[in-house]
Amino acid sequence: LAEKYQPHRLLVGEVNLEPARAARYTRADEMQQAFAFAFVKLGWDPEAWAAVGNELEAARRLHGATPTWALENHDIVRSATRFGGGELGSARARAALVALLGLPGPAYLYQGQELGLPEADVPLESRVDPMWARGGVCRDGARVPLPWTDSAALNRGFSLAEPASEPWLPQPADWGIHAIERQQQDPESSLALVTQTLEMRKLLWKNEVFGPNDGGIWRVEAGNLLICERSADFFVAVAMGTKPARLPAGTVLLSAAPLTEDGWLQPNNAGWVLRG
């Protein structure tokens, strides 16, 4: 049905199943994509990432279903908080963004993930998630309106009408430090990193370093260095240990944070490496 339209429509499944079962929904005559929700639930654990990555690769080989990567959605604590909070969580969230966009297959960023937004602490009296009333689980912290401007006016730019009405969830008092207009002026911001990474992704597709049939072979090397081999020429590396990890030979095309020593990846950093 979707392919009867011009251009073709895209069907994306919210299929919350283990990788082998979820992949069945993306066989040739079914949906084009289904979110790899197993990744949304991961902490900062290289063995867990490698295990789930290899499960998804096995499913891809069996069903021809390329994983559709996601690390955040409206039901899950934001990655900057989930990965430790504060500066540590922010660094890990940046590394995870770089890793995610280098993996083989499509990737989705949840609104505000490109800004590195942390989970907001929504006051008890302001919570509206029905899950909170029914079971004590609140997902509102990942659903607070985005901060567009540093100024508190118009709900930090989220509302256009004046006077601005109260949003469905209150924005934290310091929400402006994450504002889009502020990050657009900062070359070191999370938004700038995502923009740079997407540009590099497009370039590698254009130059055929990336291809539509790429797979991903995952492993963990010394020092808790997570590796995803996308091809013989390219791999993604994430340093998930407490000390710098030695990278396999190659040229680092980009990294989530500046490298402090050639050939080494410092903790909570990720890089794209081209061999040859």
Protein backbone atom coordinates (compact mmCIF):
# COMPACT_ATOMS: atom_id res chain seq x y z
CA LEU A 1 0.00 0.00 0.00
CA ALA A 2 2.75 2.46 0.96
CA GLU A 3 4.56 1.82 -2.32
CA LYS A 4 1.48 2.76 -4.37
CA TYR A 5 2.17 6.41 -3.53
CA GLN A 6 4.64 8.60 -5.40
CA PRO A 7 6.98 9.19 -3.78
CA HIS A 8 6.72 6.02 -1.67
CA ARG A 9 5.53 6.37 1.90
CA LEU A 10 7.66 5.11 4.76
CA LEU A 11 6.24 2.80 7.45
CA VAL A 12 8.09 2.90 10.79
CA GLY A 13 7.12 0.40 13.48
CA GLU A 14 7.06 1.07 17.20
CA VAL A 15 7.83 -2.61 17.75
CA ASN A 16 8.90 -3.11 21.34
CA LEU A 17 10.23 -6.67 21.01
CA GLU A 18 13.60 -8.37 21.19
CA PRO A 19 15.70 -7.88 18.01
CA ALA A 20 14.99 -11.25 16.39
CA ARG A 21 11.21 -10.81 16.61
CA ALA A 22 11.18 -7.09 15.83
CA ALA A 23 13.14 -7.74 12.62
CA ARG A 24 10.29 -9.85 11.25
CA TYR A 25 8.21 -6.69 10.90
CA THR A 26 10.69 -5.27 8.38
CA ARG A 27 10.85 -8.10 5.89
CA ALA A 28 10.55 -7.21 2.22
CA ASP A 29 6.72 -7.17 2.12
CA GLU A 30 6.18 -5.44 5.47
CA MET A 31 7.33 -2.18 7.10
CA GLN A 32 10.46 -0.38 5.99
CA GLN A 33 11.75 0.31 9.51
CA ALA A 34 11.22 -0.69 13.15
CA PHE A 35 12.98 1.08 16.01
CA ALA A 36 15.82 -0.86 17.64
CA PHE A 37 14.34 -0.29 21.09
CA ALA A 38 16.87 -2.59 22.71
CA PHE A 39 19.36 0.29 22.37
CA VAL A 40 17.00 2.80 24.02
CA LYS A 41 17.18 0.75 27.21
CA LEU A 42 20.98 0.47 27.43
CA GLY A 43 23.21 2.05 30.04
CA TRP A 44 26.91 2.84 29.64
CA ASP A 45 28.03 -0.77 29.31
CA PRO A 46 30.19 -1.89 26.36
CA GLU A 47 29.37 -5.59 26.73
CA ALA A 48 25.63 -4.84 26.62
CA TRP A 49 26.03 -2.61 23.56
CA ALA A 50 28.08 -5.27 21.76
CA ALA A 51 25.64 -8.06 22.63
CA VAL A 52 22.60 -6.13 21.41
CA GLY A 53 24.47 -4.90 18.33
CA ASN A 54 25.38 -8.44 17.34
CA GLU A 55 21.78 -9.60 17.94
CA LEU A 56 20.57 -6.89 15.57
CA GLU A 57 23.20 -7.87 13.00
CA ALA A 58 22.09 -11.52 13.18
CA ALA A 59 18.48 -10.43 12.64
CA ARG A 60 19.54 -8.28 9.69
CA ARG A 61 21.26 -11.22 8.04
CA LEU A 62 18.26 -13.47 8.62
CA HIS A 63 15.49 -11.12 7.51
CA GLY A 64 17.31 -8.42 5.52
CA ALA A 65 16.17 -5.91 8.16
CA THR A 66 18.57 -3.03 8.69
CA PRO A 67 18.44 -1.80 12.32
CA THR A 68 16.83 1.58 12.92
CA TRP A 69 18.88 3.13 15.73
CA ALA A 70 17.48 5.18 18.59
CA LEU A 71 18.83 6.02 22.05
CA GLU A 72 15.96 8.19 23.29
CA ASN A 73 12.20 8.48 22.99
CA HIS A 74 9.27 9.96 24.89
CA ASP A 75 9.03 6.97 27.25
CA ILE A 76 12.65 6.79 28.45
CA VAL A 77 14.84 8.94 30.71
CA ARG A 78 17.04 11.14 28.52
CA SER A 79 20.49 9.72 27.81
CA ALA A 80 22.43 12.60 29.42
CA THR A 81 20.74 11.67 32.70
CA ARG A 82 20.59 7.93 32.09
CA PHE A 83 24.34 7.82 31.44
CA GLY A 84 25.27 9.40 34.76
CA GLY A 85 24.00 12.98 34.76
CA GLY A 86 26.00 16.21 35.05
CA GLU A 87 29.20 16.65 33.04
CA LEU A 88 29.78 12.88 32.93
CA GLY A 89 26.35 12.16 31.51
CA SER A 90 26.63 15.02 29.03
CA ALA A 91 29.98 13.74 27.73
CA ARG A 92 28.61 10.24 27.35
CA ALA A 93 25.47 11.50 25.61
CA ARG A 94 27.65 13.38 23.10
CA ALA A 95 29.71 10.25 22.48
CA ALA A 96 26.55 8.18 22.07
CA LEU A 97 25.22 10.64 19.46
CA VAL A 98 28.40 10.34 17.40
CA ALA A 99 28.32 6.56 17.70
CA LEU A 100 24.64 6.31 16.79
CA LEU A 101 25.01 8.34 13.58
CA GLY A 102 27.95 6.21 12.43
CA LEU A 103 26.18 2.86 12.74
CA PRO A 104 24.92 1.04 9.62
CA GLY A 105 21.30 1.87 8.90
CA PRO A 106 18.91 4.75 9.63
CA ALA A 107 19.05 6.63 12.93
CA TYR A 108 16.48 8.73 14.78
CA LEU A 109 17.13 11.55 17.23
CA TYR A 110 14.42 12.33 19.76
CA GLN A 111 13.41 16.01 20.06
CA GLY A 112 15.98 17.77 22.23
CA GLN A 113 18.56 14.98 22.00
CA GLU A 114 20.52 17.11 19.55
CA LEU A 115 20.70 19.77 22.30
CA GLY A 116 21.98 17.32 24.90
CA LEU A 117 18.93 17.99 27.07
CA PRO A 118 18.94 16.26 30.45
CA GLU A 119 15.84 14.78 32.05
CA ALA A 120 13.81 17.62 33.57
CA ASP A 121 12.64 17.40 37.16
CA VAL A 122 8.92 18.12 36.81
CA PRO A 123 7.27 19.18 40.12
CA LEU A 124 4.78 16.68 41.48
CA GLU A 125 1.86 19.07 41.14
CA SER A 126 2.66 19.69 37.45
CA ARG A 127 2.93 16.10 36.26
CA VAL A 128 0.36 15.06 33.66
CA ASP A 129 1.58 11.62 32.54
CA PRO A 130 -1.26 9.15 33.21
CA MET A 131 1.37 6.53 34.06
CA TRP A 132 2.30 8.65 37.09
CA ALA A 133 -1.23 8.50 38.47
CA ARG A 134 -1.67 4.81 37.65
CA GLY A 135 1.70 3.32 38.52
CA GLY A 136 4.10 5.91 39.89
CA VAL A 137 6.18 6.05 36.69
CA CYS A 138 6.59 9.53 35.22
CA ARG A 139 7.74 10.17 31.64
CA ASP A 140 7.13 13.93 31.74
CA GLY A 141 10.82 14.71 32.30
CA ALA A 142 11.59 13.86 28.66
CA ARG A 143 8.56 15.75 27.32
CA VAL A 144 9.17 19.31 28.54
CA PRO A 145 8.90 21.95 25.73
CA LEU A 146 12.15 22.70 23.92
CA PRO A 147 14.09 25.88 24.77
CA TRP A 148 14.51 27.92 21.59
CA THR A 149 15.73 31.13 23.23
CA ASP A 150 17.79 32.04 26.28
CA SER A 151 15.08 34.47 27.37
CA ALA A 152 12.25 33.14 29.51
CA ALA A 153 9.72 35.10 27.42
CA LEU A 154 7.21 33.10 25.37
CA ASN A 155 8.19 29.88 27.13
CA ARG A 156 11.78 30.35 25.93
CA GLY A 157 10.56 30.84 22.39
CA PHE A 158 8.43 27.71 22.28
CA SER A 159 5.16 29.71 22.11
CA LEU A 160 4.48 32.29 19.40
CA ALA A 161 1.27 33.88 20.69
CA GLU A 162 1.41 36.79 23.12
CA PRO A 163 0.67 36.65 25.92
CA ALA A 164 2.08 33.14 25.99
CA SER A 165 -0.13 30.57 27.65
CA GLU A 166 1.28 28.13 30.17
CA PRO A 167 2.76 25.07 28.42
CA TRP A 168 1.48 21.60 29.29
CA LEU A 169 4.66 21.06 31.34
CA PRO A 170 6.75 23.75 33.05
CA GLN A 171 10.28 24.42 31.81
CA PRO A 172 13.06 24.31 34.43
CA ALA A 173 14.38 27.69 35.58
CA ASP A 174 17.78 27.08 33.92
CA TRP A 175 16.35 25.64 30.69
CA GLY A 176 17.76 28.58 28.73
CA ILE A 177 21.34 27.31 29.06
CA HIS A 178 20.40 24.60 26.55
CA ALA A 179 18.62 26.99 24.14
CA ILE A 180 18.94 26.47 20.41
CA GLU A 181 19.87 30.12 19.74
CA ARG A 182 22.64 29.84 22.32
CA GLN A 183 23.99 26.58 20.94
CA GLN A 184 23.95 27.93 17.39
CA GLN A 185 26.57 30.48 18.49
CA ASP A 186 28.79 27.90 20.23
CA PRO A 187 31.02 25.75 17.97
CA GLU A 188 31.56 23.33 20.87
CA SER A 189 27.85 22.80 21.59
CA SER A 190 25.95 19.55 21.28
CA LEU A 191 23.94 21.03 18.40
CA ALA A 192 27.14 21.98 16.55
CA LEU A 193 28.48 18.45 17.06
CA VAL A 194 25.31 16.88 15.64
CA THR A 195 25.41 19.23 12.65
CA GLN A 196 29.05 18.37 11.96
CA THR A 197 28.38 14.65 12.34
CA LEU A 198 25.41 14.72 9.95
CA GLU A 199 27.50 16.58 7.37
CA MET A 200 30.23 13.95 7.64
CA ARG A 201 27.61 11.20 7.36
CA LYS A 202 26.31 12.72 4.11
CA LEU A 203 29.83 13.04 2.74
CA LEU A 204 30.66 9.40 3.48
CA TRP A 205 27.45 8.31 1.74
CA LYS A 206 28.34 10.45 -1.27
CA ASN A 207 31.84 8.96 -1.39
CA GLU A 208 30.42 5.44 -0.98
CA VAL A 209 32.30 4.76 2.23
CA PHE A 210 28.81 4.12 3.64
CA GLY A 211 26.41 1.89 1.73
CA PRO A 212 22.82 0.67 2.13
CA ASN A 213 23.84 -2.94 2.71
CA ASP A 214 26.46 -2.33 5.40
CA GLY A 215 26.42 -4.61 8.41
CA GLY A 216 27.91 -4.16 11.84
CA ILE A 217 30.25 -6.52 13.67
CA TRP A 218 30.60 -5.62 17.35
CA ARG A 219 33.30 -6.42 19.88
CA VAL A 220 34.89 -5.03 23.04
CA GLU A 221 38.65 -4.51 23.08
CA ALA A 222 41.09 -3.81 25.92
CA GLY A 223 40.14 -0.91 28.15
CA ASN A 224 36.40 -1.33 27.49
CA LEU A 225 36.76 0.06 23.98
CA LEU A 226 33.58 -0.72 22.07
CA ILE A 227 34.07 -1.29 18.34
CA CYS A 228 31.46 -1.58 15.61
CA GLU A 229 33.03 -2.59 12.29
CA ARG A 230 30.78 -1.19 9.58
CA SER A 231 33.06 -2.36 6.78
CA ALA A 232 36.66 -3.29 6.11
CA ASP A 233 37.36 0.44 5.75
CA PHE A 234 35.35 2.04 8.56
CA PHE A 235 34.55 1.50 12.23
CA VAL A 236 32.96 3.33 15.14
CA ALA A 237 34.79 3.33 18.48
CA VAL A 238 33.44 4.30 21.91
CA ALA A 239 35.68 4.46 24.98
CA MET A 240 33.50 3.18 27.82
CA GLY A 241 36.23 2.55 30.37
CA THR A 242 37.91 4.77 32.95
CA LYS A 243 41.24 5.17 31.13
CA PRO A 244 42.23 6.14 27.56
CA ALA A 245 41.96 3.23 25.11
CA ARG A 246 44.25 2.49 22.20
CA LEU A 247 42.46 2.75 18.84
CA PRO A 248 43.03 0.26 16.02
CA ALA A 249 45.06 1.77 13.18
CA GLY A 250 43.32 4.34 11.03
CA THR A 251 42.48 8.02 10.57
CA VAL A 252 40.02 9.56 13.01
CA LEU A 253 37.49 11.46 10.87
CA LEU A 254 35.66 13.01 13.80
CA SER A 255 35.21 12.57 17.53
CA ALA A 256 32.71 13.70 20.14
CA ALA A 257 35.46 15.54 22.02
CA PRO A 258 38.92 16.66 20.80
CA LEU A 259 41.50 13.89 21.01
CA THR A 260 44.13 14.48 23.66
CA GLU A 261 46.66 12.02 22.25
CA ASP A 262 47.03 10.66 18.74
CA GLY A 263 45.88 7.06 18.42
CA TRP A 264 44.11 7.05 21.78
CA LEU A 265 40.48 7.68 22.73
CA GLN A 266 39.88 9.18 26.15
CA PRO A 267 37.07 7.85 28.38
CA ASN A 268 33.50 8.82 27.41
CA ASN A 269 34.50 9.78 23.89
CA ALA A 270 33.59 8.28 20.52
CA GLY A 271 35.14 8.48 17.09
CA TRP A 272 34.71 7.51 13.45
CA VAL A 273 37.82 5.85 12.06
CA LEU A 274 38.72 5.27 8.42
CA ARG A 275 41.32 2.64 7.61
CA GLY A 276 43.86 2.98 4.85
